[in-house]
Amino acid sequence: DGYGFAAEGDWKTAALVRAMKVMAEGLKGGTSFMEDYTYHLDPINPMVLGAHMLEICPSIAANTPSVEIHPLSIGEREDPVRLIFEAAPGEAVNVAIQDLGDEFRMLVNEVDVVSPPEMLPKLPVARALWKPRPDLKTATTAWILAGGPHHTSFSQALHSEHLENFAEMAGLQLLVIDNDTSVRAFKSALNRR
């Protein structure tokens, strides 16, 4: 319904998810809280699997989510009901907000969501599988150099241009990791700030 959610007391990401849902109103695609859950480190086809326990918004689902009960190994509670789905393939962005003390920075990584090459029966949660731009190694290096957090707002409705406009209006620093990113140029951009 457009509310902002982020886990573990992450108020910055919750506010960002809400702001991005408002910006995306009426656009095709959804927006959700997200986290890099694990990495597929195949040297030929590296990817990121995004998920976060049971907390991913169904607005990014490729199809109608299934509702299932599965054990959860933490919390010592009854087995929870959860939505299970894959995110729709296509272009997306992962966006984070960082508190730099005297200002905030928005960090954007453009990604391409893909369908999983095989079933994922041991991960019964909502999830998105993507290839970061320009590639996993460069994107991850740039993200770490910028001090990027592990929680993001993931959107298939918004693009870098939307976020660039938002950052300008809100007075945020902006760093974008896209097809044109090189580690050398990214380091230079960080050093100029």
Protein backbone atom coordinates (compact mmCIF):
# COMPACT_ATOMS: atom_id res chain seq x y z
CA ASP A 1 0.00 0.00 0.00
CA GLY A 2 2.97 2.31 -0.32
CA TYR A 3 4.24 2.42 3.25
CA GLY A 4 7.96 2.52 3.87
CA PHE A 5 9.45 -0.55 5.50
CA ALA A 6 12.97 -1.58 6.43
CA ALA A 7 14.10 -4.14 8.98
CA GLU A 8 16.37 -3.92 12.00
CA GLY A 9 15.53 -0.31 12.88
CA ASP A 10 16.87 1.03 9.58
CA TRP A 11 14.91 4.30 9.49
CA LYS A 12 16.85 5.74 6.54
CA THR A 13 15.92 2.85 4.25
CA ALA A 14 12.31 2.87 5.49
CA ALA A 15 12.05 6.57 4.62
CA LEU A 16 13.71 5.95 1.25
CA VAL A 17 11.35 3.06 0.39
CA ARG A 18 8.37 5.31 1.19
CA ALA A 19 9.74 8.22 -0.85
CA MET A 20 10.45 5.94 -3.81
CA LYS A 21 6.98 4.36 -3.62
CA VAL A 22 5.45 7.86 -3.75
CA MET A 23 7.68 8.82 -6.72
CA ALA A 24 6.72 5.58 -8.50
CA GLU A 25 2.96 6.03 -8.09
CA GLY A 26 1.31 5.28 -11.43
CA LEU A 27 4.47 3.86 -13.02
CA LYS A 28 4.87 0.26 -14.11
CA GLY A 29 6.88 -1.89 -11.69
CA GLY A 30 7.21 -2.05 -7.95
CA THR A 31 9.48 -0.89 -5.15
CA SER A 32 10.60 -2.88 -2.11
CA PHE A 33 12.97 -3.08 0.79
CA MET A 34 15.90 -5.32 -0.22
CA GLU A 35 19.26 -6.73 0.83
CA ASP A 36 22.04 -8.55 -1.00
CA TYR A 37 21.29 -12.02 0.39
CA THR A 38 24.03 -13.99 -1.34
CA TYR A 39 26.32 -13.86 -4.35
CA HIS A 40 26.49 -16.26 -7.27
CA LEU A 41 30.24 -16.11 -7.92
CA ASP A 42 30.29 -18.00 -11.21
CA PRO A 43 33.22 -16.39 -13.07
CA ILE A 44 31.28 -16.44 -16.35
CA ASN A 45 27.88 -15.31 -15.06
CA PRO A 46 28.12 -13.64 -11.62
CA MET A 47 24.88 -12.42 -10.04
CA VAL A 48 23.34 -11.23 -6.78
CA LEU A 49 20.38 -12.87 -5.08
CA GLY A 50 18.40 -10.26 -3.19
CA ALA A 51 15.99 -11.18 -0.37
CA HIS A 52 15.32 -10.37 3.28
CA MET A 53 13.68 -13.03 5.39
CA LEU A 54 9.93 -12.61 4.81
CA GLU A 55 9.82 -8.87 4.19
CA ILE A 56 9.95 -8.23 0.44
CA CYS A 57 7.03 -6.31 -1.07
CA PRO A 58 4.93 -8.26 -3.62
CA SER A 59 4.78 -5.16 -5.85
CA ILE A 60 7.96 -6.49 -7.53
CA ALA A 61 6.57 -10.01 -8.16
CA ALA A 62 6.67 -11.39 -11.70
CA ASN A 63 3.53 -13.46 -11.02
CA THR A 64 0.99 -13.97 -8.27
CA PRO A 65 2.93 -14.94 -5.13
CA SER A 66 2.26 -18.27 -3.47
CA VAL A 67 1.45 -18.32 0.23
CA GLU A 68 3.26 -21.12 2.06
CA ILE A 69 4.34 -22.20 5.53
CA HIS A 70 7.99 -23.16 6.05
CA PRO A 71 10.25 -23.45 9.10
CA LEU A 72 12.31 -20.42 10.07
CA SER A 73 15.50 -21.33 11.90
CA ILE A 74 15.67 -18.16 14.01
CA GLY A 75 13.35 -16.71 16.62
CA GLU A 76 12.12 -19.95 18.25
CA ARG A 77 8.58 -19.34 17.00
CA GLU A 78 5.99 -21.28 15.04
CA ASP A 79 6.67 -21.76 11.34
CA PRO A 80 5.63 -18.50 9.64
CA VAL A 81 3.42 -17.99 6.63
CA ARG A 82 5.29 -16.25 3.85
CA LEU A 83 4.92 -15.04 0.29
CA ILE A 84 7.15 -16.77 -2.24
CA PHE A 85 7.86 -15.20 -5.62
CA GLU A 86 10.52 -14.12 -8.10
CA ALA A 87 10.93 -10.48 -9.07
CA ALA A 88 9.99 -9.65 -12.63
CA PRO A 89 12.92 -9.64 -15.09
CA GLY A 90 14.00 -6.24 -16.41
CA GLU A 91 15.85 -3.07 -15.45
CA ALA A 92 15.94 -1.98 -11.81
CA VAL A 93 17.88 0.12 -9.34
CA ASN A 94 19.21 -0.61 -5.86
CA VAL A 95 19.36 2.60 -3.84
CA ALA A 96 20.79 3.37 -0.41
CA ILE A 97 20.92 6.43 1.81
CA GLN A 98 24.00 7.10 3.92
CA ASP A 99 24.35 9.51 6.83
CA LEU A 100 27.73 11.23 6.40
CA GLY A 101 27.38 13.36 9.51
CA ASP A 102 26.93 16.77 7.90
CA GLU A 103 25.00 15.57 4.84
CA PHE A 104 23.36 12.53 3.28
CA ARG A 105 24.49 10.56 0.26
CA MET A 106 22.30 8.59 -2.13
CA LEU A 107 24.07 5.61 -3.70
CA VAL A 108 22.44 4.06 -6.79
CA ASN A 109 23.38 0.85 -8.60
CA GLU A 110 21.63 0.09 -11.86
CA VAL A 111 20.91 -3.64 -12.21
CA ASP A 112 19.30 -6.09 -14.62
CA VAL A 113 16.90 -8.56 -13.00
CA VAL A 114 16.93 -12.05 -14.51
CA SER A 115 14.90 -15.20 -14.03
CA PRO A 116 16.71 -17.82 -11.93
CA PRO A 117 18.36 -20.43 -14.16
CA GLU A 118 17.02 -23.16 -11.87
CA MET A 119 14.48 -23.62 -9.09
CA LEU A 120 15.44 -22.45 -5.59
CA PRO A 121 13.57 -24.88 -3.31
CA LYS A 122 15.90 -24.32 -0.34
CA LEU A 123 15.13 -20.59 -0.30
CA PRO A 124 11.34 -20.35 0.11
CA VAL A 125 11.11 -16.55 0.26
CA ALA A 126 10.40 -13.60 -2.00
CA ARG A 127 13.55 -12.83 -4.00
CA ALA A 128 15.15 -11.04 -6.91
CA LEU A 129 18.13 -12.25 -8.93
CA TRP A 130 20.10 -9.56 -10.72
CA LYS A 131 23.27 -8.70 -12.57
CA PRO A 132 24.73 -5.42 -11.29
CA ARG A 133 25.96 -2.91 -13.83
CA PRO A 134 28.59 -2.72 -15.14
CA ASP A 135 29.52 -6.11 -13.60
CA LEU A 136 29.57 -7.68 -10.15
CA LYS A 137 33.24 -6.99 -9.42
CA THR A 138 33.16 -3.31 -10.39
CA ALA A 139 29.77 -2.63 -8.80
CA THR A 140 30.71 -4.33 -5.54
CA THR A 141 34.07 -2.56 -5.38
CA ALA A 142 32.42 0.83 -5.97
CA TRP A 143 29.68 0.10 -3.41
CA ILE A 144 32.26 -0.81 -0.76
CA LEU A 145 34.48 2.19 -1.59
CA ALA A 146 31.44 4.44 -1.09
CA GLY A 147 30.65 2.76 2.24
CA GLY A 148 27.34 1.46 0.90
CA PRO A 149 25.07 -0.22 3.47
CA HIS A 150 23.56 -3.69 3.20
CA HIS A 151 19.93 -2.51 3.08
CA THR A 152 18.53 -0.90 -0.06
CA SER A 153 15.35 0.24 -1.72
CA PHE A 154 14.94 -1.83 -4.88
CA SER A 155 12.76 -0.45 -7.67
CA GLN A 156 11.72 -1.57 -11.11
CA ALA A 157 9.52 1.51 -11.51
CA LEU A 158 12.17 4.19 -11.05
CA HIS A 159 15.39 4.84 -12.95
CA SER A 160 18.58 6.73 -12.14
CA GLU A 161 17.17 9.90 -13.69
CA HIS A 162 14.26 9.94 -11.21
CA LEU A 163 16.69 9.54 -8.33
CA GLU A 164 19.05 12.17 -9.68
CA ASN A 165 16.16 14.66 -9.69
CA PHE A 166 15.14 13.62 -6.17
CA ALA A 167 18.71 13.94 -4.86
CA GLU A 168 19.01 17.41 -6.38
CA MET A 169 15.70 18.55 -4.86
CA ALA A 170 16.55 17.08 -1.44
CA GLY A 171 20.13 18.37 -1.39
CA LEU A 172 21.66 14.89 -1.29
CA GLN A 173 25.05 13.85 -2.59
CA LEU A 174 24.55 11.35 -5.43
CA LEU A 175 26.77 8.55 -6.68
CA VAL A 176 25.59 6.27 -9.50
CA ILE A 177 27.10 2.90 -10.38
CA ASP A 178 26.10 2.08 -13.97
CA ASN A 179 27.45 0.69 -17.25
CA ASP A 180 29.92 3.59 -17.50
CA THR A 181 31.45 3.08 -14.04
CA SER A 182 35.12 2.27 -13.64
CA VAL A 183 36.77 1.86 -10.26
CA ARG A 184 39.38 4.52 -11.06
CA ALA A 185 36.78 7.14 -12.06
CA PHE A 186 34.58 6.22 -9.08
CA LYS A 187 37.50 6.69 -6.67
CA SER A 188 38.17 10.09 -8.24
CA ALA A 189 34.52 11.08 -7.80
CA LEU A 190 34.68 10.07 -4.13
CA ASN A 191 37.90 12.01 -3.56
CA ARG A 192 36.37 15.19 -5.04
CA ARG A 193 33.64 15.22 -2.39
